[in-house]
């Protein structure tokens, strides 16, 4: 993605979409407080 004409712009994802993806995954494994942990993961990234 980074070698395309747009460079790093191809890596953009909306925060709400990313949070939903992380939350859904964490709920599937299952993890307590999945939404909170998804938000914490996003802050670390």
C-alpha atoms as a PDB file:
ATOM      1  CA  UNK A   1       0.000   0.000   0.000  1.00  0.00           C
ATOM      2  CA  UNK A   2       2.729   2.424   0.877  1.00  0.00           C
ATOM      3  CA  UNK A   3       4.376   2.133  -2.516  1.00  0.00           C
ATOM      4  CA  UNK A   4       1.250   3.225  -4.400  1.00  0.00           C
ATOM      5  CA  UNK A   5       0.722   6.777  -5.631  1.00  0.00           C
ATOM      6  CA  UNK A   6      -1.151   7.687  -2.439  1.00  0.00           C
ATOM      7  CA  UNK A   7       1.635   6.426  -0.163  1.00  0.00           C
ATOM      8  CA  UNK A   8       0.541   6.140   3.476  1.00  0.00           C
ATOM      9  CA  UNK A   9      -2.897   7.554   2.649  1.00  0.00           C
ATOM     10  CA  UNK A  10      -3.907   4.020   1.657  1.00  0.00           C
ATOM     11  CA  UNK A  11      -3.630   3.049   5.331  1.00  0.00           C
ATOM     12  CA  UNK A  12      -6.378   5.423   6.534  1.00  0.00           C
ATOM     13  CA  UNK A  13      -9.319   3.916   8.415  1.00  0.00           C
ATOM     14  CA  UNK A  14     -11.941   5.755  10.428  1.00  0.00           C
ATOM     15  CA  UNK A  15     -11.563   5.419  14.199  1.00  0.00           C
ATOM     16  CA  UNK A  16     -15.150   4.214  14.623  1.00  0.00           C
ATOM     17  CA  UNK A  17     -14.620   1.481  12.031  1.00  0.00           C
ATOM     18  CA  UNK A  18     -11.385   0.338  13.640  1.00  0.00           C
ATOM     19  CA  UNK A  19     -12.972   0.301  17.090  1.00  0.00           C
ATOM     20  CA  UNK A  20     -15.846  -1.813  15.777  1.00  0.00           C
ATOM     21  CA  UNK A  21     -13.447  -4.297  14.174  1.00  0.00           C
ATOM     22  CA  UNK A  22     -11.361  -4.643  17.344  1.00  0.00           C
ATOM     23  CA  UNK A  23     -14.460  -4.886  19.557  1.00  0.00           C
ATOM     24  CA  UNK A  24     -16.039  -7.574  17.399  1.00  0.00           C
ATOM     25  CA  UNK A  25     -12.838  -9.604  17.425  1.00  0.00           C
ATOM     26  CA  UNK A  26     -12.337  -9.285  21.178  1.00  0.00           C
ATOM     27  CA  UNK A  27     -15.946 -10.338  21.789  1.00  0.00           C
ATOM     28  CA  UNK A  28     -15.401 -13.411  19.623  1.00  0.00           C
ATOM     29  CA  UNK A  29     -12.534 -14.818  21.712  1.00  0.00           C
ATOM     30  CA  UNK A  30     -14.296 -13.762  24.378  1.00  0.00           C
ATOM     31  CA  UNK A  31     -12.786 -10.908  26.337  1.00  0.00           C
ATOM     32  CA  UNK A  32     -14.548  -8.963  29.074  1.00  0.00           C
ATOM     33  CA  UNK A  33     -15.026  -5.239  28.453  1.00  0.00           C
ATOM     34  CA  UNK A  34     -14.183  -5.706  24.781  1.00  0.00           C
ATOM     35  CA  UNK A  35     -15.067  -2.153  23.771  1.00  0.00           C
ATOM     36  CA  UNK A  36     -12.896  -0.613  26.490  1.00  0.00           C
ATOM     37  CA  UNK A  37      -9.992  -2.871  25.568  1.00  0.00           C
ATOM     38  CA  UNK A  38     -10.442  -2.041  21.883  1.00  0.00           C
ATOM     39  CA  UNK A  39     -10.170   1.670  22.708  1.00  0.00           C
ATOM     40  CA  UNK A  40      -7.058   1.072  24.809  1.00  0.00           C
ATOM     41  CA  UNK A  41      -5.491  -0.899  21.968  1.00  0.00           C
ATOM     42  CA  UNK A  42      -6.171   1.966  19.570  1.00  0.00           C
ATOM     43  CA  UNK A  43      -4.491   4.439  21.921  1.00  0.00           C
ATOM     44  CA  UNK A  44      -1.415   2.212  22.079  1.00  0.00           C
ATOM     45  CA  UNK A  45      -1.228   2.026  18.312  1.00  0.00           C
END
